[in-house]
Amino acid sequence: MIGRLKIKPIQARNPNEPNRPSTTLELLFDLVYVIAVAAAAGFYDRLSEHDLSGFLTFIVAFFILWNAWTSFTWFASGYDPDDWFYRLSVMFQMFGSLMIAANIHQFYEQGLTWIGVTGYAIMRLASCSQWWRVYRQVPGHKKVAGRSMVGLLTLQALWIIWLFLPSALQTPALFLFIAAELLMPVWARSEQFDNWHPGHIAERYGLLTIIVLGEGVVGVSNSIQYFLVNSTSAASSILLLGSSLVALVFSLWWLYFIVPFDTILNKERRRHDLFLFGYGHFFIFAALAGLGSMLNLVTESVAGENGDSVQKVISEPYAMGMLMSMLVVFLLTLTILRELMCRRSSHNVIAMLLALTIIGLSYTAVTQGLPITYGIWLSILAPVVMIWYFGQDNKHWLVKEDV
């Protein structure tokens, strides 16, 4: 029994390890963020009142949960001993994440509260216990481990102090501390943290992409359910609008996964990819979660145009504008990320310009009286065009890599 409880020395994972999939423990950890993403995407209530400050609140809320997920993911890619002590530390990180998710539920009314700060504290103490193992047992990794522990503990102390600041200082301090959160990993991992696994990282980010796309699936389901129960034109609304929303979400899934991030990270591995890929994905995740939330505005706008009883009547041009803004952020961020990470690509600018033109035409058509359902169908051509162009690029440069 004592032998089974003995903690084995931790080791750095091999970045060239073949067949490195996500573990079932990581998938269990991700379930927390299904709840958290759904809570963060609840800002459409403010937008339905034309309160655009909801966007800023959403960005802060989404950063809080994304930052916690990122910290866990990159450590697991580089080390992950999968022994009993590590599993227990992940359990505590899950508990801390659940507290963060609980704070996200009330974030739009009360802001960051003690429960979110406490959740971060629990996560970080558990994470530091693993970084301490790295510091003591992994040769050549003392600097990154030491800096990570100092950075995590210092940041957590600052957030605890933030709870007791006067309300007039909390908002500016909030953005100052967020900047510190972004800079800390850059400082901690600038020299040594290079043993992350390209395929594993690409898969982990792909899985979180599926989670945030799930918010779009929920939005489509809510739309179908609403028209099934409340609308006088249920059949046409479900068939035309519901199918357009499904096609939009499906096309965004197709577009994201046609970019071979695993191959790019493996073939063109550079130190700054850790930050370019990791931080760039924040805008991808936030845009997809926001887009899923915007589908609720679309449903309300169509219901209002049909004369159904709704509490707030949203105009179709307004709903279309909100939806297209999220679509533009997603397409633009994915294109920039692809351009910077894969220098062999030649169609990025052309594809993006065509996509922006299509989105502009779609929005203009709705403002001129075209029903939003048909405007969404037209806008789907934007990701479809990019899928075609990116697919052509892949055929050329991926074949050259294999030769």
Protein backbone atom coordinates (compact mmCIF):
# COMPACT_ATOMS: atom_id res chain seq x y z
CA MET A 1 0.00 0.00 0.00
CA ILE A 2 2.82 2.40 0.91
CA GLY A 3 4.53 1.60 -2.37
CA ARG A 4 1.42 2.48 -4.33
CA LEU A 5 1.15 5.84 -2.58
CA LYS A 6 4.76 6.75 -3.30
CA ILE A 7 5.06 9.78 -5.59
CA LYS A 8 7.27 9.08 -8.57
CA PRO A 9 9.61 11.80 -9.83
CA ILE A 10 7.99 14.03 -12.43
CA GLN A 11 9.53 14.22 -15.89
CA ALA A 12 9.20 16.56 -18.85
CA ARG A 13 7.11 15.01 -21.61
CA ASN A 14 8.72 14.30 -24.96
CA PRO A 15 7.52 16.97 -27.46
CA ASN A 16 7.97 14.44 -30.27
CA GLU A 17 6.03 11.67 -28.53
CA PRO A 18 3.88 9.83 -31.10
CA ASN A 19 0.13 9.39 -30.62
CA ARG A 20 -0.24 11.91 -27.80
CA PRO A 21 -4.02 12.32 -27.34
CA SER A 22 -5.87 14.21 -24.65
CA THR A 23 -6.40 12.13 -21.53
CA THR A 24 -9.76 11.28 -20.00
CA LEU A 25 -8.76 13.46 -17.03
CA GLU A 26 -8.35 16.46 -19.33
CA LEU A 27 -11.73 15.75 -20.89
CA LEU A 28 -13.28 15.60 -17.43
CA PHE A 29 -11.64 18.92 -16.59
CA ASP A 30 -13.12 20.44 -19.76
CA LEU A 31 -16.66 19.65 -18.60
CA VAL A 32 -16.34 22.51 -16.11
CA TYR A 33 -15.87 24.91 -19.00
CA VAL A 34 -19.02 23.76 -20.72
CA ILE A 35 -20.82 25.35 -17.77
CA ALA A 36 -18.54 28.37 -17.61
CA VAL A 37 -18.77 29.20 -21.33
CA ALA A 38 -22.56 29.02 -21.19
CA ALA A 39 -22.54 31.43 -18.25
CA ALA A 40 -20.16 33.85 -19.96
CA ALA A 41 -22.28 33.88 -23.12
CA GLY A 42 -25.27 35.18 -21.18
CA PHE A 43 -24.46 38.82 -21.98
CA TYR A 44 -27.01 38.99 -24.82
CA ASP A 45 -29.59 40.27 -22.31
CA ARG A 46 -27.69 43.54 -22.17
CA LEU A 47 -27.35 43.70 -25.94
CA SER A 48 -31.10 43.16 -26.30
CA GLU A 49 -31.41 46.46 -24.42
CA HIS A 50 -28.87 48.05 -26.82
CA ASP A 51 -26.31 48.26 -24.01
CA LEU A 52 -23.08 47.71 -25.93
CA SER A 53 -21.02 47.87 -22.73
CA GLY A 54 -22.05 44.22 -22.37
CA PHE A 55 -19.32 43.39 -24.88
CA LEU A 56 -16.60 44.68 -22.54
CA THR A 57 -18.07 42.84 -19.58
CA PHE A 58 -18.24 39.67 -21.67
CA ILE A 59 -14.56 40.00 -22.68
CA VAL A 60 -13.50 40.31 -19.03
CA ALA A 61 -15.72 37.39 -17.96
CA PHE A 62 -14.45 35.20 -20.77
CA PHE A 63 -10.83 36.12 -19.99
CA ILE A 64 -11.28 34.96 -16.40
CA LEU A 65 -12.30 31.44 -17.40
CA TRP A 66 -9.99 31.21 -20.46
CA ASN A 67 -6.95 32.16 -18.38
CA ALA A 68 -7.65 29.36 -15.90
CA TRP A 69 -8.11 26.77 -18.67
CA THR A 70 -4.92 27.88 -20.45
CA SER A 71 -2.75 27.55 -17.36
CA PHE A 72 -3.86 23.95 -16.81
CA THR A 73 -3.59 22.97 -20.48
CA TRP A 74 -0.04 24.12 -21.16
CA PHE A 75 1.31 22.52 -17.99
CA ALA A 76 -0.37 19.21 -18.84
CA SER A 77 1.13 19.28 -22.32
CA GLY A 78 4.63 19.71 -20.94
CA TYR A 79 4.56 17.37 -17.93
CA ASP A 80 1.43 15.43 -16.83
CA PRO A 81 2.88 12.54 -14.77
CA ASP A 82 -0.64 11.05 -14.33
CA ASP A 83 0.13 9.75 -10.84
CA TRP A 84 -2.22 9.91 -7.88
CA PHE A 85 -0.82 13.20 -6.57
CA TYR A 86 -1.25 14.89 -9.95
CA ARG A 87 -4.80 13.55 -10.27
CA LEU A 88 -5.71 14.93 -6.86
CA SER A 89 -4.23 18.32 -7.78
CA VAL A 90 -6.38 18.32 -10.94
CA MET A 91 -9.41 17.53 -8.79
CA PHE A 92 -8.71 20.65 -6.74
CA GLN A 93 -8.19 22.65 -9.95
CA MET A 94 -11.59 21.42 -11.11
CA PHE A 95 -13.14 22.56 -7.84
CA GLY A 96 -11.49 25.96 -8.22
CA SER A 97 -12.73 26.15 -11.81
CA LEU A 98 -16.27 25.38 -10.68
CA MET A 99 -16.07 28.28 -8.23
CA ILE A 100 -14.88 30.50 -11.08
CA ALA A 101 -17.80 29.26 -13.20
CA ALA A 102 -20.18 30.06 -10.34
CA ASN A 103 -18.80 33.61 -10.25
CA ILE A 104 -19.30 33.93 -14.02
CA HIS A 105 -23.02 33.28 -13.46
CA GLN A 106 -23.25 36.40 -11.29
CA PHE A 107 -20.48 38.39 -12.99
CA TYR A 108 -22.82 40.59 -15.03
CA GLU A 109 -24.66 41.77 -11.93
CA GLN A 110 -21.97 41.82 -9.24
CA GLY A 111 -18.64 41.59 -11.06
CA LEU A 112 -15.71 39.59 -9.74
CA THR A 113 -16.42 38.47 -6.18
CA TRP A 114 -14.67 36.53 -3.45
CA ILE A 115 -15.88 33.21 -4.88
CA GLY A 116 -14.04 33.76 -8.17
CA VAL A 117 -10.89 34.96 -6.42
CA THR A 118 -11.03 31.97 -4.06
CA GLY A 119 -11.49 29.64 -7.03
CA TYR A 120 -8.36 31.05 -8.62
CA ALA A 121 -6.50 30.68 -5.33
CA ILE A 122 -7.40 26.99 -5.09
CA MET A 123 -6.40 26.41 -8.72
CA ARG A 124 -3.11 28.20 -8.30
CA LEU A 125 -2.10 26.48 -5.10
CA ALA A 126 -2.75 23.13 -6.77
CA SER A 127 -0.79 24.23 -9.83
CA CYS A 128 2.11 25.47 -7.70
CA SER A 129 2.34 22.04 -6.04
CA GLN A 130 3.09 20.60 -9.48
CA TRP A 131 5.48 23.37 -10.46
CA TRP A 132 7.33 22.67 -7.20
CA ARG A 133 7.80 19.09 -8.32
CA VAL A 134 9.19 20.35 -11.63
CA TYR A 135 11.53 22.73 -9.80
CA ARG A 136 12.90 19.95 -7.61
CA GLN A 137 12.99 17.03 -10.04
CA VAL A 138 13.28 18.13 -13.69
CA PRO A 139 16.82 19.11 -14.71
CA GLY A 140 17.01 22.31 -16.72
CA HIS A 141 13.51 23.45 -15.78
CA LYS A 142 14.21 25.25 -12.52
CA LYS A 143 13.92 28.71 -14.04
CA VAL A 144 10.51 28.23 -15.64
CA ALA A 145 9.19 26.44 -12.56
CA GLY A 146 10.54 29.03 -10.13
CA ARG A 147 9.24 31.95 -12.17
CA SER A 148 5.86 30.27 -12.59
CA MET A 149 5.45 29.76 -8.84
CA VAL A 150 6.55 33.31 -8.01
CA GLY A 151 4.29 34.72 -10.71
CA LEU A 152 1.22 32.70 -9.75
CA LEU A 153 1.53 33.44 -6.04
CA THR A 154 2.21 37.14 -6.62
CA LEU A 155 -0.76 37.51 -8.95
CA GLN A 156 -3.02 35.72 -6.49
CA ALA A 157 -1.89 38.01 -3.69
CA LEU A 158 -2.74 41.00 -5.90
CA TRP A 159 -6.24 39.67 -6.59
CA ILE A 160 -6.86 39.15 -2.88
CA ILE A 161 -5.77 42.74 -2.24
CA TRP A 162 -8.08 43.82 -5.09
CA LEU A 163 -11.12 42.58 -3.13
CA PHE A 164 -10.42 45.20 -0.44
CA LEU A 165 -9.70 48.14 -2.73
CA PRO A 166 -12.16 51.06 -2.82
CA SER A 167 -14.75 50.60 -5.56
CA ALA A 168 -13.35 53.60 -7.46
CA LEU A 169 -10.00 51.82 -7.82
CA GLN A 170 -11.25 48.34 -8.58
CA THR A 171 -12.05 48.92 -12.26
CA PRO A 172 -8.68 50.41 -13.28
CA ALA A 173 -6.89 47.84 -11.10
CA LEU A 174 -8.89 45.06 -12.78
CA PHE A 175 -7.48 45.89 -16.22
CA LEU A 176 -3.99 46.43 -14.80
CA PHE A 177 -4.06 42.98 -13.20
CA ILE A 178 -5.38 41.40 -16.42
CA ALA A 179 -2.37 42.86 -18.23
CA ALA A 180 -0.14 41.34 -15.55
CA GLU A 181 -1.87 37.97 -16.06
CA LEU A 182 -0.98 38.11 -19.76
CA LEU A 183 2.61 39.17 -19.20
CA MET A 184 3.45 36.70 -16.43
CA PRO A 185 3.57 33.57 -18.66
CA VAL A 186 5.67 35.48 -21.20
CA TRP A 187 8.18 36.26 -18.48
CA ALA A 188 8.03 32.84 -16.81
CA ARG A 189 8.35 30.74 -19.96
CA SER A 190 10.47 33.00 -22.15
CA GLU A 191 13.64 30.88 -21.91
CA GLN A 192 12.85 27.32 -20.97
CA PHE A 193 9.29 26.13 -21.57
CA ASP A 194 9.75 24.40 -24.94
CA ASN A 195 8.63 20.83 -24.25
CA TRP A 196 4.95 21.30 -25.10
CA HIS A 197 3.57 18.78 -27.57
CA PRO A 198 2.32 20.30 -30.88
CA GLY A 199 -0.29 17.63 -31.60
CA HIS A 200 -1.55 17.59 -28.02
CA ILE A 201 -1.85 21.39 -27.82
CA ALA A 202 -3.65 21.56 -31.17
CA GLU A 203 -6.09 18.88 -30.02
CA ARG A 204 -6.73 20.58 -26.68
CA TYR A 205 -7.51 23.88 -28.37
CA GLY A 206 -9.65 22.05 -30.90
CA LEU A 207 -11.66 20.49 -28.09
CA LEU A 208 -12.28 23.86 -26.47
CA THR A 209 -13.35 25.14 -29.89
CA ILE A 210 -15.97 22.37 -29.95
CA ILE A 211 -17.13 23.48 -26.49
CA VAL A 212 -17.61 27.11 -27.52
CA LEU A 213 -19.27 26.02 -30.77
CA GLY A 214 -21.63 24.10 -28.53
CA GLU A 215 -22.99 27.47 -27.39
CA GLY A 216 -24.08 27.99 -30.99
CA VAL A 217 -25.75 24.59 -31.01
CA VAL A 218 -27.62 25.56 -27.84
CA GLY A 219 -28.66 28.81 -29.51
CA VAL A 220 -30.07 26.92 -32.50
CA SER A 221 -31.90 24.55 -30.16
CA ASN A 222 -33.38 27.47 -28.22
CA SER A 223 -34.53 29.03 -31.48
CA ILE A 224 -36.27 25.86 -32.64
CA GLN A 225 -37.85 25.37 -29.22
CA TYR A 226 -39.10 28.95 -29.11
CA PHE A 227 -40.84 28.79 -32.48
CA LEU A 228 -42.20 25.35 -31.73
CA VAL A 229 -43.91 26.61 -28.57
CA ASN A 230 -44.68 30.28 -29.21
CA SER A 231 -44.69 31.16 -32.87
CA THR A 232 -47.67 31.32 -35.19
CA SER A 233 -45.36 30.44 -38.07
CA ALA A 234 -43.50 27.57 -36.45
CA ALA A 235 -42.91 25.40 -39.51
CA SER A 236 -41.38 28.08 -41.76
CA SER A 237 -39.31 29.61 -38.93
CA ILE A 238 -37.94 26.25 -37.83
CA LEU A 239 -37.12 25.07 -41.34
CA LEU A 240 -35.70 28.29 -42.79
CA LEU A 241 -34.15 30.03 -39.79
CA GLY A 242 -33.17 26.89 -37.88
CA SER A 243 -31.43 25.36 -40.89
CA SER A 244 -29.56 28.61 -41.62
CA LEU A 245 -28.22 28.80 -38.06
CA VAL A 246 -27.15 25.14 -38.14
CA ALA A 247 -25.40 25.72 -41.47
CA LEU A 248 -23.57 28.76 -40.05
CA VAL A 249 -22.28 26.88 -37.00
CA PHE A 250 -21.35 23.89 -39.17
CA SER A 251 -19.41 26.05 -41.63
CA LEU A 252 -17.42 27.65 -38.80
CA TRP A 253 -16.55 24.20 -37.45
CA TRP A 254 -15.40 23.15 -40.92
CA LEU A 255 -13.33 26.30 -41.42
CA TYR A 256 -11.52 26.06 -38.10
CA PHE A 257 -10.58 22.42 -38.47
CA ILE A 258 -9.45 22.76 -42.08
CA VAL A 259 -6.48 24.71 -40.70
CA PRO A 260 -3.94 21.99 -39.76
CA PHE A 261 -2.67 23.60 -36.59
CA ASP A 262 -1.03 20.37 -35.41
CA THR A 263 1.07 20.14 -38.59
CA ILE A 264 1.89 23.85 -38.53
CA LEU A 265 3.04 23.73 -34.91
CA ASN A 266 5.09 20.62 -35.61
CA LYS A 267 6.69 21.66 -38.90
CA GLU A 268 7.23 25.32 -38.15
CA ARG A 269 7.76 25.14 -34.41
CA ARG A 270 8.97 28.45 -33.04
CA ARG A 271 9.23 29.65 -29.48
CA HIS A 272 6.78 32.51 -29.95
CA ASP A 273 4.13 30.06 -31.21
CA LEU A 274 3.31 29.33 -27.57
CA PHE A 275 2.08 32.89 -27.15
CA LEU A 276 0.88 33.56 -30.69
CA PHE A 277 -1.20 30.38 -30.85
CA GLY A 278 -2.32 30.51 -27.23
CA TYR A 279 -3.23 34.19 -26.98
CA GLY A 280 -4.59 34.40 -30.53
CA HIS A 281 -7.10 31.70 -29.72
CA PHE A 282 -8.64 33.87 -27.01
CA PHE A 283 -10.33 35.96 -29.71
CA ILE A 284 -11.38 32.83 -31.61
CA PHE A 285 -13.00 31.33 -28.53
CA ALA A 286 -14.59 34.60 -27.43
CA ALA A 287 -15.98 35.28 -30.93
CA LEU A 288 -17.52 31.81 -31.19
CA ALA A 289 -19.05 32.02 -27.72
CA GLY A 290 -20.36 35.49 -28.52
CA LEU A 291 -21.74 34.34 -31.86
CA GLY A 292 -23.65 31.56 -30.13
CA SER A 293 -25.13 34.11 -27.78
CA MET A 294 -26.11 36.38 -30.69
CA LEU A 295 -28.36 33.63 -32.03
CA ASN A 296 -30.76 34.50 -29.22
CA LEU A 297 -30.98 38.04 -30.59
CA VAL A 298 -31.70 36.62 -34.04
CA THR A 299 -34.55 34.53 -32.62
CA GLU A 300 -36.05 37.53 -30.83
CA SER A 301 -35.80 39.68 -33.95
CA VAL A 302 -37.55 37.12 -36.14
CA ALA A 303 -40.23 36.57 -33.50
CA GLY A 304 -40.77 40.32 -33.28
CA GLU A 305 -41.06 40.70 -37.04
CA ASN A 306 -43.61 37.87 -37.10
CA GLY A 307 -45.70 39.67 -34.50
CA ASP A 308 -45.18 37.04 -31.81
CA SER A 309 -45.36 38.04 -28.18
CA VAL A 310 -41.86 38.83 -26.88
CA GLN A 311 -40.77 41.05 -24.04
CA LYS A 312 -38.22 43.00 -26.09
CA VAL A 313 -38.57 43.62 -29.81
CA ILE A 314 -35.17 43.45 -31.52
CA SER A 315 -34.88 44.82 -35.05
CA GLU A 316 -33.49 42.44 -37.66
CA PRO A 317 -30.73 44.86 -38.80
CA TYR A 318 -29.55 45.21 -35.19
CA ALA A 319 -29.50 41.44 -34.62
CA MET A 320 -27.76 40.91 -37.96
CA GLY A 321 -25.15 43.54 -37.09
CA MET A 322 -24.37 41.89 -33.76
CA LEU A 323 -24.14 38.44 -35.34
CA MET A 324 -21.93 39.64 -38.20
CA SER A 325 -19.59 41.46 -35.80
CA MET A 326 -18.85 38.18 -34.04
CA LEU A 327 -18.43 36.43 -37.38
CA VAL A 328 -15.94 39.06 -38.57
CA VAL A 329 -13.86 38.76 -35.38
CA PHE A 330 -13.69 34.98 -35.75
CA LEU A 331 -12.79 35.00 -39.45
CA LEU A 332 -10.27 37.82 -39.09
CA THR A 333 -8.52 36.27 -36.08
CA LEU A 334 -8.31 32.84 -37.71
CA THR A 335 -6.90 34.38 -40.90
CA ILE A 336 -4.28 36.45 -39.05
CA LEU A 337 -3.27 33.45 -36.96
CA ARG A 338 -2.92 31.30 -40.07
CA GLU A 339 -0.95 34.02 -41.88
CA LEU A 340 1.53 34.50 -39.02
CA MET A 341 2.00 30.83 -38.21
CA CYS A 342 2.04 29.37 -41.73
CA ARG A 343 4.16 31.54 -43.98
CA ARG A 344 3.64 29.27 -46.96
CA SER A 345 -0.02 30.24 -47.26
CA SER A 346 -0.81 32.48 -50.23
CA HIS A 347 -4.58 32.92 -50.17
CA ASN A 348 -5.16 34.43 -46.73
CA VAL A 349 -5.68 38.04 -47.82
CA ILE A 350 -7.81 37.15 -50.86
CA ALA A 351 -10.01 34.82 -48.83
CA MET A 352 -10.50 37.37 -46.06
CA LEU A 353 -11.33 40.23 -48.44
CA LEU A 354 -13.93 38.12 -50.21
CA ALA A 355 -15.39 37.05 -46.87
CA LEU A 356 -15.62 40.65 -45.63
CA THR A 357 -17.31 41.67 -48.87
CA ILE A 358 -19.90 38.92 -48.52
CA ILE A 359 -20.57 39.81 -44.88
CA GLY A 360 -20.93 43.49 -45.79
CA LEU A 361 -23.40 42.65 -48.54
CA SER A 362 -25.35 40.37 -46.22
CA TYR A 363 -25.70 43.05 -43.56
CA THR A 364 -26.57 45.75 -46.10
CA ALA A 365 -29.22 43.53 -47.65
CA VAL A 366 -30.89 43.04 -44.26
CA THR A 367 -30.84 46.79 -43.55
CA GLN A 368 -32.57 47.26 -46.92
CA GLY A 369 -35.41 44.94 -45.99
CA LEU A 370 -34.20 41.41 -46.79
CA PRO A 371 -35.41 39.00 -44.06
CA ILE A 372 -32.60 38.11 -41.68
CA THR A 373 -33.02 34.40 -42.45
CA TYR A 374 -31.93 34.98 -46.05
CA GLY A 375 -29.21 37.37 -44.90
CA ILE A 376 -27.73 34.62 -42.74
CA TRP A 377 -27.86 32.17 -45.64
CA LEU A 378 -25.95 34.73 -47.74
CA SER A 379 -23.36 35.32 -45.00
CA ILE A 380 -22.58 31.60 -44.86
CA LEU A 381 -20.84 32.04 -48.20
CA ALA A 382 -18.08 33.93 -46.32
CA PRO A 383 -16.72 30.93 -44.38
CA VAL A 384 -17.46 28.66 -47.35
CA VAL A 385 -15.22 30.77 -49.60
CA MET A 386 -12.47 30.67 -46.99
CA ILE A 387 -12.84 26.90 -46.65
CA TRP A 388 -12.26 26.53 -50.38
CA TYR A 389 -9.22 28.83 -50.46
CA PHE A 390 -7.63 27.32 -47.36
CA GLY A 391 -8.23 23.85 -48.76
CA GLN A 392 -6.37 24.81 -51.93
CA ASP A 393 -3.47 26.14 -49.86
CA ASN A 394 -3.33 22.93 -47.84
CA LYS A 395 -3.07 20.82 -50.99
CA HIS A 396 0.00 22.74 -52.09
CA TRP A 397 2.10 23.30 -49.01
CA LEU A 398 1.18 20.10 -47.14
CA VAL A 399 2.15 18.04 -50.20
CA LYS A 400 5.49 19.86 -50.37
CA GLU A 401 6.14 19.06 -46.71
CA ASP A 402 5.52 15.37 -47.32
CA VAL A 403 7.83 15.14 -50.32
